[in-house]
Amino acid sequence: MPSFSERATWFVALLMTALVLTCALWLQTHNGLVPCPLCLLQRFTLMLLMPLFLLGALKAWHARWWRGLLSLTTLALSSAGIFLAGRQVWLQNLPPNKQGDCGLSLSYMLHALPFKDAIMKAIAGSAECGKVDWQLWHLSLAQWSLAFFVLLLLISIRQLWRSFSRHT
């Protein structure tokens, strides 16, 4: 039977994710930071993770395979977040002349292009994605996002390990 600490871990991940999304929205509304397409994809990834964390926090899953599936899903989404944030960090470290042209907004791309093409264009990034508008302790928002997704990946690995190391 899953222990309370297993559920508490999911709850802490849920609270941290809610805090990160709240901070991102605060920076957008109060500091005027307009999120680029890669930022929006990272936010969407966090929004997909939140119900999974809530599910893990609320329900004590008795089946080992179900806990493992939940952990694998959060691991996959955290990995996607690492890819997106890592791509943005890479774009931010390119010289300005190699960052490409200014891109279209994600909402416009989703309306004008097929879904797959819009996502691929957003992942490719643009000069907008390579711009550093805000820093905390000399780290950009994309670098903080990357660190947070790595933390979520480590939590997912820990939960996966716990789900298969116990006898149920």
N, C-alpha and C. Protein backbone atom coordinates (compact mmCIF):
# COMPACT_ATOMS: atom_id res chain seq x y z
N MET A 1 0.84 -1.18 0.00
CA MET A 1 0.00 0.00 0.00
C MET A 1 0.89 1.24 0.00
N PRO A 2 0.57 2.23 -0.86
CA PRO A 2 1.41 3.42 -0.92
C PRO A 2 1.38 4.18 0.40
N SER A 3 2.50 4.67 0.80
CA SER A 3 2.57 5.41 2.05
C SER A 3 2.11 6.85 1.83
N PHE A 4 1.85 7.53 2.93
CA PHE A 4 1.45 8.93 2.85
C PHE A 4 2.54 9.75 2.20
N SER A 5 3.79 9.42 2.46
CA SER A 5 4.88 10.23 1.92
C SER A 5 4.92 10.15 0.39
N GLU A 6 4.48 9.04 -0.19
CA GLU A 6 4.40 8.95 -1.64
C GLU A 6 3.36 9.94 -2.17
N ARG A 7 2.22 9.99 -1.52
CA ARG A 7 1.17 10.94 -1.90
C ARG A 7 1.61 12.36 -1.59
N ALA A 8 2.31 12.55 -0.49
CA ALA A 8 2.79 13.89 -0.13
C ALA A 8 3.78 14.41 -1.17
N THR A 9 4.59 13.52 -1.72
CA THR A 9 5.54 13.93 -2.75
C THR A 9 4.80 14.48 -3.97
N TRP A 10 3.73 13.78 -4.38
CA TRP A 10 2.93 14.27 -5.51
C TRP A 10 2.30 15.62 -5.16
N PHE A 11 1.85 15.77 -3.92
CA PHE A 11 1.21 17.02 -3.49
C PHE A 11 2.21 18.17 -3.52
N VAL A 12 3.42 17.93 -3.07
CA VAL A 12 4.46 18.97 -3.09
C VAL A 12 4.78 19.35 -4.54
N ALA A 13 4.85 18.36 -5.42
CA ALA A 13 5.10 18.65 -6.85
C ALA A 13 3.96 19.49 -7.42
N LEU A 14 2.73 19.20 -7.02
CA LEU A 14 1.57 19.97 -7.46
C LEU A 14 1.67 21.42 -6.97
N LEU A 15 2.00 21.61 -5.70
CA LEU A 15 2.12 22.96 -5.15
C LEU A 15 3.24 23.75 -5.82
N MET A 16 4.38 23.10 -6.04
CA MET A 16 5.50 23.77 -6.69
C MET A 16 5.13 24.18 -8.12
N THR A 17 4.44 23.30 -8.84
CA THR A 17 4.04 23.60 -10.21
C THR A 17 3.05 24.75 -10.24
N ALA A 18 2.10 24.74 -9.31
CA ALA A 18 1.14 25.85 -9.23
C ALA A 18 1.85 27.16 -8.92
N LEU A 19 2.84 27.12 -8.05
CA LEU A 19 3.61 28.32 -7.72
C LEU A 19 4.38 28.83 -8.93
N VAL A 20 5.00 27.93 -9.67
CA VAL A 20 5.77 28.34 -10.87
C VAL A 20 4.85 28.97 -11.91
N LEU A 21 3.68 28.36 -12.15
CA LEU A 21 2.74 28.93 -13.11
C LEU A 21 2.20 30.28 -12.62
N THR A 22 1.96 30.40 -11.33
CA THR A 22 1.51 31.67 -10.77
C THR A 22 2.56 32.75 -10.96
N CYS A 23 3.82 32.41 -10.72
CA CYS A 23 4.91 33.37 -10.92
C CYS A 23 5.01 33.79 -12.38
N ALA A 24 4.87 32.83 -13.30
CA ALA A 24 4.93 33.15 -14.72
C ALA A 24 3.80 34.10 -15.12
N LEU A 25 2.61 33.83 -14.61
CA LEU A 25 1.48 34.71 -14.91
C LEU A 25 1.65 36.09 -14.28
N TRP A 26 2.23 36.13 -13.09
CA TRP A 26 2.50 37.41 -12.43
C TRP A 26 3.51 38.22 -13.23
N LEU A 27 4.57 37.57 -13.70
CA LEU A 27 5.56 38.27 -14.51
C LEU A 27 4.94 38.79 -15.81
N GLN A 28 4.01 38.04 -16.34
CA GLN A 28 3.34 38.46 -17.57
C GLN A 28 2.42 39.65 -17.33
N THR A 29 1.63 39.59 -16.27
CA THR A 29 0.64 40.65 -16.05
C THR A 29 1.22 41.89 -15.37
N HIS A 30 2.18 41.73 -14.47
CA HIS A 30 2.69 42.88 -13.72
C HIS A 30 4.00 43.43 -14.26
N ASN A 31 4.80 42.61 -14.92
CA ASN A 31 6.06 43.09 -15.49
C ASN A 31 5.99 43.27 -17.00
N GLY A 32 4.88 42.86 -17.59
CA GLY A 32 4.71 43.04 -19.03
C GLY A 32 5.51 42.08 -19.89
N LEU A 33 5.95 40.96 -19.32
CA LEU A 33 6.69 39.98 -20.12
C LEU A 33 5.70 39.21 -21.00
N VAL A 34 5.90 39.27 -22.30
CA VAL A 34 5.04 38.56 -23.23
C VAL A 34 5.70 37.21 -23.52
N PRO A 35 5.01 36.10 -23.23
CA PRO A 35 5.63 34.79 -23.44
C PRO A 35 5.77 34.46 -24.93
N CYS A 36 6.91 33.91 -25.27
CA CYS A 36 7.15 33.47 -26.64
C CYS A 36 6.48 32.09 -26.84
N PRO A 37 6.43 31.58 -28.07
CA PRO A 37 5.81 30.27 -28.29
C PRO A 37 6.43 29.14 -27.46
N LEU A 38 7.75 29.14 -27.28
CA LEU A 38 8.37 28.10 -26.46
C LEU A 38 7.95 28.23 -24.99
N CYS A 39 7.82 29.46 -24.51
CA CYS A 39 7.35 29.68 -23.13
C CYS A 39 5.94 29.13 -22.97
N LEU A 40 5.10 29.38 -23.96
CA LEU A 40 3.72 28.91 -23.88
C LEU A 40 3.66 27.38 -23.90
N LEU A 41 4.52 26.75 -24.69
CA LEU A 41 4.56 25.28 -24.71
C LEU A 41 5.04 24.73 -23.36
N GLN A 42 5.98 25.42 -22.73
CA GLN A 42 6.44 25.00 -21.41
C GLN A 42 5.32 25.14 -20.38
N ARG A 43 4.57 26.22 -20.46
CA ARG A 43 3.43 26.40 -19.55
C ARG A 43 2.38 25.31 -19.77
N PHE A 44 2.14 25.01 -21.03
CA PHE A 44 1.16 23.97 -21.35
C PHE A 44 1.62 22.62 -20.78
N THR A 45 2.91 22.33 -20.86
CA THR A 45 3.45 21.10 -20.29
C THR A 45 3.22 21.07 -18.78
N LEU A 46 3.45 22.20 -18.11
CA LEU A 46 3.19 22.26 -16.66
C LEU A 46 1.71 22.06 -16.36
N MET A 47 0.85 22.62 -17.22
CA MET A 47 -0.59 22.45 -17.01
C MET A 47 -1.03 21.00 -17.22
N LEU A 48 -0.33 20.27 -18.09
CA LEU A 48 -0.63 18.85 -18.27
C LEU A 48 -0.15 18.04 -17.07
N LEU A 49 0.93 18.47 -16.44
CA LEU A 49 1.47 17.76 -15.28
C LEU A 49 0.60 17.95 -14.04
N MET A 50 -0.02 19.09 -13.89
CA MET A 50 -0.76 19.39 -12.66
C MET A 50 -1.86 18.38 -12.34
N PRO A 51 -2.73 18.01 -13.28
CA PRO A 51 -3.76 17.02 -12.92
C PRO A 51 -3.17 15.65 -12.57
N LEU A 52 -2.03 15.32 -13.16
CA LEU A 52 -1.38 14.05 -12.82
C LEU A 52 -0.85 14.09 -11.39
N PHE A 53 -0.24 15.21 -11.02
CA PHE A 53 0.23 15.36 -9.64
C PHE A 53 -0.94 15.33 -8.67
N LEU A 54 -2.04 15.97 -9.04
CA LEU A 54 -3.24 15.96 -8.20
C LEU A 54 -3.78 14.54 -8.05
N LEU A 55 -3.81 13.80 -9.14
CA LEU A 55 -4.26 12.42 -9.10
C LEU A 55 -3.40 11.58 -8.16
N GLY A 56 -2.10 11.75 -8.25
CA GLY A 56 -1.20 11.01 -7.36
C GLY A 56 -1.34 11.43 -5.91
N ALA A 57 -1.65 12.70 -5.68
CA ALA A 57 -1.77 13.20 -4.30
C ALA A 57 -3.08 12.77 -3.65
N LEU A 58 -4.14 12.66 -4.44
CA LEU A 58 -5.45 12.37 -3.85
C LEU A 58 -5.75 10.90 -3.70
N LYS A 59 -5.22 10.09 -4.54
CA LYS A 59 -5.61 8.68 -4.56
C LYS A 59 -4.44 7.80 -4.16
N ALA A 60 -4.67 6.91 -3.23
CA ALA A 60 -3.67 5.92 -2.83
C ALA A 60 -3.84 4.70 -3.75
N TRP A 61 -3.04 4.64 -4.77
CA TRP A 61 -3.14 3.56 -5.75
C TRP A 61 -2.56 2.29 -5.17
N HIS A 62 -3.34 1.22 -5.17
CA HIS A 62 -2.85 -0.05 -4.63
C HIS A 62 -2.13 -0.86 -5.69
N ALA A 63 -2.50 -0.69 -6.93
CA ALA A 63 -1.85 -1.45 -8.01
C ALA A 63 -0.51 -0.81 -8.36
N ARG A 64 0.52 -1.60 -8.31
CA ARG A 64 1.87 -1.12 -8.58
C ARG A 64 1.98 -0.60 -10.02
N TRP A 65 1.33 -1.29 -10.95
CA TRP A 65 1.43 -0.86 -12.35
C TRP A 65 0.78 0.50 -12.56
N TRP A 66 -0.29 0.82 -11.83
CA TRP A 66 -0.96 2.10 -11.97
C TRP A 66 -0.07 3.24 -11.46
N ARG A 67 0.59 3.01 -10.32
CA ARG A 67 1.53 4.01 -9.80
C ARG A 67 2.71 4.18 -10.75
N GLY A 68 3.15 3.07 -11.33
CA GLY A 68 4.23 3.14 -12.31
C GLY A 68 3.83 3.90 -13.56
N LEU A 69 2.59 3.68 -14.02
CA LEU A 69 2.10 4.39 -15.20
C LEU A 69 2.02 5.89 -14.94
N LEU A 70 1.55 6.26 -13.77
CA LEU A 70 1.49 7.68 -13.39
C LEU A 70 2.89 8.28 -13.38
N SER A 71 3.83 7.57 -12.80
CA SER A 71 5.21 8.06 -12.74
C SER A 71 5.85 8.15 -14.12
N LEU A 72 5.59 7.16 -14.97
CA LEU A 72 6.14 7.19 -16.33
C LEU A 72 5.56 8.34 -17.14
N THR A 73 4.29 8.62 -16.94
CA THR A 73 3.67 9.73 -17.66
C THR A 73 4.26 11.06 -17.22
N THR A 74 4.43 11.25 -15.92
CA THR A 74 5.03 12.50 -15.45
C THR A 74 6.49 12.58 -15.87
N LEU A 75 7.17 11.44 -15.93
CA LEU A 75 8.55 11.42 -16.40
C LEU A 75 8.62 11.85 -17.86
N ALA A 76 7.71 11.36 -18.69
CA ALA A 76 7.70 11.72 -20.12
C ALA A 76 7.40 13.21 -20.30
N LEU A 77 6.42 13.72 -19.57
CA LEU A 77 6.08 15.14 -19.69
C LEU A 77 7.20 16.04 -19.14
N SER A 78 7.85 15.62 -18.07
CA SER A 78 8.98 16.38 -17.54
C SER A 78 10.12 16.39 -18.55
N SER A 79 10.33 15.27 -19.23
CA SER A 79 11.37 15.20 -20.27
C SER A 79 11.04 16.14 -21.42
N ALA A 80 9.76 16.21 -21.80
CA ALA A 80 9.34 17.14 -22.85
C ALA A 80 9.61 18.58 -22.41
N GLY A 81 9.33 18.88 -21.15
CA GLY A 81 9.61 20.22 -20.62
C GLY A 81 11.10 20.53 -20.64
N ILE A 82 11.93 19.54 -20.31
CA ILE A 82 13.38 19.72 -20.36
C ILE A 82 13.82 20.02 -21.79
N PHE A 83 13.25 19.30 -22.74
CA PHE A 83 13.58 19.54 -24.15
C PHE A 83 13.20 20.97 -24.55
N LEU A 84 11.98 21.40 -24.22
CA LEU A 84 11.52 22.74 -24.60
C LEU A 84 12.34 23.84 -23.93
N ALA A 85 12.55 23.71 -22.63
CA ALA A 85 13.34 24.72 -21.91
C ALA A 85 14.79 24.70 -22.37
N GLY A 86 15.33 23.50 -22.60
CA GLY A 86 16.70 23.40 -23.10
C GLY A 86 16.86 24.03 -24.46
N ARG A 87 15.86 23.87 -25.30
CA ARG A 87 15.88 24.49 -26.64
C ARG A 87 15.90 26.01 -26.50
N GLN A 88 15.10 26.54 -25.58
CA GLN A 88 15.07 27.98 -25.39
C GLN A 88 16.38 28.50 -24.81
N VAL A 89 16.96 27.78 -23.88
CA VAL A 89 18.27 28.19 -23.33
C VAL A 89 19.31 28.19 -24.44
N TRP A 90 19.26 27.17 -25.30
CA TRP A 90 20.20 27.10 -26.43
C TRP A 90 20.00 28.31 -27.35
N LEU A 91 18.75 28.65 -27.66
CA LEU A 91 18.47 29.81 -28.52
C LEU A 91 18.96 31.10 -27.87
N GLN A 92 18.82 31.20 -26.55
CA GLN A 92 19.26 32.40 -25.85
C GLN A 92 20.78 32.56 -25.87
N ASN A 93 21.50 31.46 -26.04
CA ASN A 93 22.95 31.53 -26.05
C ASN A 93 23.54 31.63 -27.45
N LEU A 94 22.69 31.67 -28.47
CA LEU A 94 23.16 31.89 -29.83
C LEU A 94 23.53 33.37 -30.02
N PRO A 95 24.47 33.66 -30.91
CA PRO A 95 24.73 35.07 -31.22
C PRO A 95 23.47 35.69 -31.85
N PRO A 96 23.24 36.98 -31.65
CA PRO A 96 22.02 37.62 -32.16
C PRO A 96 21.81 37.43 -33.67
N ASN A 97 22.87 37.38 -34.45
CA ASN A 97 22.70 37.25 -35.89
C ASN A 97 22.31 35.83 -36.32
N LYS A 98 22.34 34.87 -35.42
CA LYS A 98 21.98 33.48 -35.74
C LYS A 98 20.63 33.06 -35.15
N GLN A 99 19.94 33.98 -34.50
CA GLN A 99 18.69 33.63 -33.82
C GLN A 99 17.50 33.58 -34.75
N GLY A 100 17.62 34.03 -35.95
CA GLY A 100 16.51 33.97 -36.90
C GLY A 100 15.62 35.19 -36.82
N ASP A 101 14.57 35.14 -37.62
CA ASP A 101 13.63 36.26 -37.70
C ASP A 101 12.63 36.20 -36.56
N CYS A 102 11.93 37.30 -36.38
CA CYS A 102 10.85 37.32 -35.41
C CYS A 102 9.75 36.38 -35.89
N GLY A 103 9.23 35.60 -34.99
CA GLY A 103 8.23 34.61 -35.36
C GLY A 103 6.81 35.10 -35.15
N LEU A 104 5.90 34.24 -35.49
CA LEU A 104 4.48 34.50 -35.31
C LEU A 104 4.07 34.05 -33.92
N SER A 105 2.95 34.56 -33.46
CA SER A 105 2.46 34.12 -32.15
C SER A 105 1.94 32.68 -32.27
N LEU A 106 1.95 31.99 -31.15
CA LEU A 106 1.49 30.60 -31.14
C LEU A 106 0.02 30.50 -31.51
N SER A 107 -0.79 31.42 -31.02
CA SER A 107 -2.22 31.37 -31.35
C SER A 107 -2.45 31.56 -32.85
N TYR A 108 -1.70 32.46 -33.47
CA TYR A 108 -1.84 32.66 -34.92
C TYR A 108 -1.40 31.40 -35.67
N MET A 109 -0.27 30.83 -35.25
CA MET A 109 0.21 29.62 -35.93
C MET A 109 -0.79 28.49 -35.81
N LEU A 110 -1.42 28.34 -34.63
CA LEU A 110 -2.41 27.27 -34.45
C LEU A 110 -3.64 27.48 -35.31
N HIS A 111 -3.99 28.74 -35.60
CA HIS A 111 -5.15 29.02 -36.45
C HIS A 111 -4.80 28.92 -37.93
N ALA A 112 -3.59 29.33 -38.31
CA ALA A 112 -3.23 29.42 -39.72
C ALA A 112 -2.58 28.15 -40.27
N LEU A 113 -1.95 27.38 -39.41
CA LEU A 113 -1.20 26.21 -39.88
C LEU A 113 -1.82 24.92 -39.32
N PRO A 114 -1.54 23.79 -39.98
CA PRO A 114 -1.93 22.52 -39.37
C PRO A 114 -1.24 22.38 -38.00
N PHE A 115 -1.86 21.65 -37.09
CA PHE A 115 -1.37 21.55 -35.71
C PHE A 115 0.10 21.13 -35.66
N LYS A 116 0.46 20.09 -36.40
CA LYS A 116 1.84 19.58 -36.37
C LYS A 116 2.83 20.65 -36.84
N ASP A 117 2.48 21.36 -37.91
CA ASP A 117 3.37 22.41 -38.42
C ASP A 117 3.51 23.56 -37.43
N ALA A 118 2.42 23.92 -36.77
CA ALA A 118 2.46 25.00 -35.79
C ALA A 118 3.37 24.63 -34.62
N ILE A 119 3.25 23.41 -34.13
CA ILE A 119 4.10 22.97 -33.02
C ILE A 119 5.57 22.91 -33.44
N MET A 120 5.82 22.40 -34.64
CA MET A 120 7.21 22.32 -35.12
C MET A 120 7.82 23.72 -35.27
N LYS A 121 7.04 24.67 -35.77
CA LYS A 121 7.53 26.05 -35.89
C LYS A 121 7.79 26.66 -34.52
N ALA A 122 6.92 26.37 -33.56
CA ALA A 122 7.10 26.89 -32.21
C ALA A 122 8.36 26.32 -31.57
N ILE A 123 8.60 25.03 -31.78
CA ILE A 123 9.79 24.38 -31.22
C ILE A 123 11.06 24.90 -31.88
N ALA A 124 10.96 25.20 -33.18
CA ALA A 124 12.14 25.73 -33.88
C ALA A 124 12.57 27.05 -33.27
N GLY A 125 11.62 27.81 -32.74
CA GLY A 125 11.94 29.05 -32.06
C GLY A 125 12.16 30.19 -33.05
N SER A 126 12.37 31.35 -32.47
CA SER A 126 12.61 32.55 -33.26
C SER A 126 13.47 33.50 -32.44
N ALA A 127 13.71 34.67 -32.99
CA ALA A 127 14.49 35.66 -32.26
C ALA A 127 13.79 36.04 -30.95
N GLU A 128 12.48 36.00 -30.96
CA GLU A 128 11.69 36.30 -29.76
C GLU A 128 12.01 35.31 -28.64
N CYS A 129 12.20 34.04 -28.99
CA CYS A 129 12.50 33.00 -27.99
C CYS A 129 13.93 33.13 -27.46
N GLY A 130 14.80 33.76 -28.23
CA GLY A 130 16.19 33.90 -27.82
C GLY A 130 16.47 35.15 -27.01
N LYS A 131 15.46 35.97 -26.81
CA LYS A 131 15.62 37.21 -26.06
C LYS A 131 15.52 36.93 -24.56
N VAL A 132 16.41 37.53 -23.78
CA VAL A 132 16.37 37.41 -22.32
C VAL A 132 15.82 38.72 -21.78
N ASP A 133 14.57 38.68 -21.31
CA ASP A 133 13.92 39.88 -20.79
C ASP A 133 13.96 39.99 -19.27
N TRP A 134 14.23 38.89 -18.58
CA TRP A 134 14.14 38.88 -17.12
C TRP A 134 15.16 37.89 -16.58
N GLN A 135 15.81 38.26 -15.49
CA GLN A 135 16.77 37.37 -14.84
C GLN A 135 16.61 37.45 -13.32
N LEU A 136 16.95 36.34 -12.69
CA LEU A 136 17.03 36.28 -11.24
C LEU A 136 18.33 35.57 -10.91
N TRP A 137 19.19 36.23 -10.18
CA TRP A 137 20.51 35.70 -9.84
C TRP A 137 21.28 35.27 -11.09
N HIS A 138 21.22 36.10 -12.11
CA HIS A 138 21.93 35.93 -13.38
C HIS A 138 21.47 34.72 -14.18
N LEU A 139 20.30 34.19 -13.87
CA LEU A 139 19.72 33.09 -14.65
C LEU A 139 18.45 33.59 -15.30
N SER A 140 18.29 33.25 -16.58
CA SER A 140 17.10 33.67 -17.31
C SER A 140 15.91 32.82 -16.89
N LEU A 141 14.73 33.28 -17.28
CA LEU A 141 13.51 32.53 -16.98
C LEU A 141 13.56 31.13 -17.61
N ALA A 142 14.14 31.03 -18.80
CA ALA A 142 14.26 29.72 -19.46
C ALA A 142 15.19 28.79 -18.67
N GLN A 143 16.26 29.34 -18.10
CA GLN A 143 17.17 28.52 -17.29
C GLN A 143 16.49 28.06 -16.00
N TRP A 144 15.69 28.94 -15.39
CA TRP A 144 14.94 28.54 -14.21
C TRP A 144 13.92 27.46 -14.57
N SER A 145 13.30 27.62 -15.71
CA SER A 145 12.33 26.63 -16.17
C SER A 145 13.01 25.28 -16.40
N LEU A 146 14.18 25.31 -17.01
CA LEU A 146 14.93 24.07 -17.23
C LEU A 146 15.26 23.39 -15.90
N ALA A 147 15.72 24.17 -14.93
CA ALA A 147 16.04 23.61 -13.61
C ALA A 147 14.79 23.01 -12.95
N PHE A 148 13.66 23.67 -13.10
CA PHE A 148 12.43 23.17 -12.50
C PHE A 148 11.99 21.87 -13.16
N PHE A 149 12.08 21.79 -14.48
CA PHE A 149 11.71 20.55 -15.17
C PHE A 149 12.66 19.40 -14.79
N VAL A 150 13.92 19.71 -14.57
CA VAL A 150 14.86 18.67 -14.10
C VAL A 150 14.44 18.19 -12.71
N LEU A 151 14.04 19.11 -11.84
CA LEU A 151 13.55 18.73 -10.51
C LEU A 151 12.32 17.83 -10.63
N LEU A 152 11.38 18.19 -11.51
CA LEU A 152 10.20 17.36 -11.70
C LEU A 152 10.56 15.99 -12.27
N LEU A 153 11.57 15.94 -13.13
CA LEU A 153 12.04 14.65 -13.66
C LEU A 153 12.60 13.80 -12.53
N LEU A 154 13.38 14.39 -11.65
CA LEU A 154 13.95 13.64 -10.52
C LEU A 154 12.84 13.14 -9.59
N ILE A 155 11.82 13.96 -9.36
CA ILE A 155 10.68 13.52 -8.54
C ILE A 155 9.99 12.34 -9.22
N SER A 156 9.81 12.42 -10.53
CA SER A 156 9.15 11.33 -11.27
C SER A 156 9.97 10.04 -11.20
N ILE A 157 11.28 10.16 -11.31
CA ILE A 157 12.15 8.98 -11.22
C ILE A 157 12.05 8.38 -9.82
N ARG A 158 12.05 9.24 -8.82
CA ARG A 158 11.93 8.75 -7.43
C ARG A 158 10.60 8.01 -7.24
N GLN A 159 9.53 8.59 -7.74
CA GLN A 159 8.22 7.96 -7.59
C GLN A 159 8.15 6.65 -8.38
N LEU A 160 8.76 6.62 -9.54
CA LEU A 160 8.80 5.38 -10.34
C LEU A 160 9.57 4.31 -9.59
N TRP A 161 10.70 4.69 -9.03
CA TRP A 161 11.50 3.75 -8.25
C TRP A 161 10.71 3.21 -7.07
N ARG A 162 10.02 4.10 -6.38
CA ARG A 162 9.22 3.69 -5.22
C ARG A 162 8.07 2.77 -5.61
N SER A 163 7.47 3.01 -6.77
CA SER A 163 6.32 2.20 -7.17
C SER A 163 6.71 0.78 -7.51
N PHE A 164 7.93 0.57 -7.97
CA PHE A 164 8.35 -0.78 -8.33
C PHE A 164 9.25 -1.45 -7.29
N SER A 165 9.69 -0.70 -6.29
CA SER A 165 10.54 -1.31 -5.28
C SER A 165 9.75 -1.86 -4.10
N ARG A 166 8.46 -1.55 -4.04
CA ARG A 166 7.62 -2.04 -2.93
C ARG A 166 6.90 -3.31 -3.33
N HIS A 167 6.57 -4.08 -2.34
CA HIS A 167 5.78 -5.30 -2.58
C HIS A 167 4.32 -4.98 -2.33
N THR A 168 3.49 -5.18 -3.37
CA THR A 168 2.05 -4.91 -3.20
C THR A 168 1.27 -6.16 -3.46
